[in-house]
């Protein structure tokens, strides 16, 4: 996995490709929670191409 650290704000939506390895986590001093939705098959292609 290529290591790259990216910071996001709490109002952002992040799309992670299902075919790419990834990791994510909260800062210890500013924790957060995550909501996850997975798109598969044709729906994944439609979301990624928009």
C-alpha atoms as a PDB file:
ATOM      1  CA  UNK A   1       0.000   0.000   0.000  1.00  0.00           C
ATOM      2  CA  UNK A   2       1.295   3.453  -0.901  1.00  0.00           C
ATOM      3  CA  UNK A   3       1.283   5.508   2.300  1.00  0.00           C
ATOM      4  CA  UNK A   4      -0.261   8.951   1.961  1.00  0.00           C
ATOM      5  CA  UNK A   5      -1.866  10.894   4.787  1.00  0.00           C
ATOM      6  CA  UNK A   6      -4.823  13.123   3.892  1.00  0.00           C
ATOM      7  CA  UNK A   7      -6.878  15.197   6.312  1.00  0.00           C
ATOM      8  CA  UNK A   8     -10.575  15.781   5.691  1.00  0.00           C
ATOM      9  CA  UNK A   9     -13.137  18.028   7.317  1.00  0.00           C
ATOM     10  CA  UNK A  10     -16.235  16.722   9.069  1.00  0.00           C
ATOM     11  CA  UNK A  11     -18.517  17.882   6.245  1.00  0.00           C
ATOM     12  CA  UNK A  12     -16.733  15.962   3.464  1.00  0.00           C
ATOM     13  CA  UNK A  13     -17.750  12.775   1.718  1.00  0.00           C
ATOM     14  CA  UNK A  14     -14.883  10.473   0.849  1.00  0.00           C
ATOM     15  CA  UNK A  15     -15.189   7.869  -1.923  1.00  0.00           C
ATOM     16  CA  UNK A  16     -12.710   5.004  -1.645  1.00  0.00           C
ATOM     17  CA  UNK A  17     -12.399   2.592  -4.593  1.00  0.00           C
ATOM     18  CA  UNK A  18     -13.193  -0.985  -3.613  1.00  0.00           C
ATOM     19  CA  UNK A  19     -10.249  -2.322  -5.628  1.00  0.00           C
ATOM     20  CA  UNK A  20      -7.645  -0.183  -3.767  1.00  0.00           C
ATOM     21  CA  UNK A  21      -6.216  -0.997  -0.352  1.00  0.00           C
ATOM     22  CA  UNK A  22      -6.870   1.755   2.205  1.00  0.00           C
ATOM     23  CA  UNK A  23      -6.827   2.530   5.902  1.00  0.00           C
ATOM     24  CA  UNK A  24      -8.363   5.331   7.950  1.00  0.00           C
ATOM     25  CA  UNK A  25      -8.516   6.456  11.541  1.00  0.00           C
ATOM     26  CA  UNK A  26      -9.212   9.347  13.889  1.00  0.00           C
ATOM     27  CA  UNK A  27      -6.768  11.692  15.564  1.00  0.00           C
ATOM     28  CA  UNK A  28      -6.529  10.772  19.273  1.00  0.00           C
ATOM     29  CA  UNK A  29      -7.121  14.393  20.303  1.00  0.00           C
ATOM     30  CA  UNK A  30     -10.131  14.858  17.958  1.00  0.00           C
ATOM     31  CA  UNK A  31     -11.975  11.523  17.548  1.00  0.00           C
ATOM     32  CA  UNK A  32     -14.809  10.988  15.084  1.00  0.00           C
ATOM     33  CA  UNK A  33     -17.206   8.272  13.959  1.00  0.00           C
ATOM     34  CA  UNK A  34     -17.754   6.936  10.458  1.00  0.00           C
ATOM     35  CA  UNK A  35     -20.778   5.991   8.388  1.00  0.00           C
ATOM     36  CA  UNK A  36     -20.050   3.550   5.600  1.00  0.00           C
ATOM     37  CA  UNK A  37     -21.983   2.734   2.425  1.00  0.00           C
ATOM     38  CA  UNK A  38     -20.656   0.180  -0.080  1.00  0.00           C
ATOM     39  CA  UNK A  39     -21.525   0.239  -3.761  1.00  0.00           C
ATOM     40  CA  UNK A  40     -20.958  -2.905  -5.847  1.00  0.00           C
ATOM     41  CA  UNK A  41     -21.313  -3.869  -9.498  1.00  0.00           C
ATOM     42  CA  UNK A  42     -23.044  -1.441 -11.841  1.00  0.00           C
ATOM     43  CA  UNK A  43     -24.015   0.948  -9.018  1.00  0.00           C
ATOM     44  CA  UNK A  44     -20.329   1.346  -8.108  1.00  0.00           C
ATOM     45  CA  UNK A  45     -19.458   2.293 -11.675  1.00  0.00           C
ATOM     46  CA  UNK A  46     -22.287   4.834 -11.831  1.00  0.00           C
ATOM     47  CA  UNK A  47     -21.185   6.545  -8.593  1.00  0.00           C
ATOM     48  CA  UNK A  48     -17.496   6.617  -9.561  1.00  0.00           C
ATOM     49  CA  UNK A  49     -18.197   8.122 -12.998  1.00  0.00           C
ATOM     50  CA  UNK A  50     -20.242  11.086 -11.736  1.00  0.00           C
END
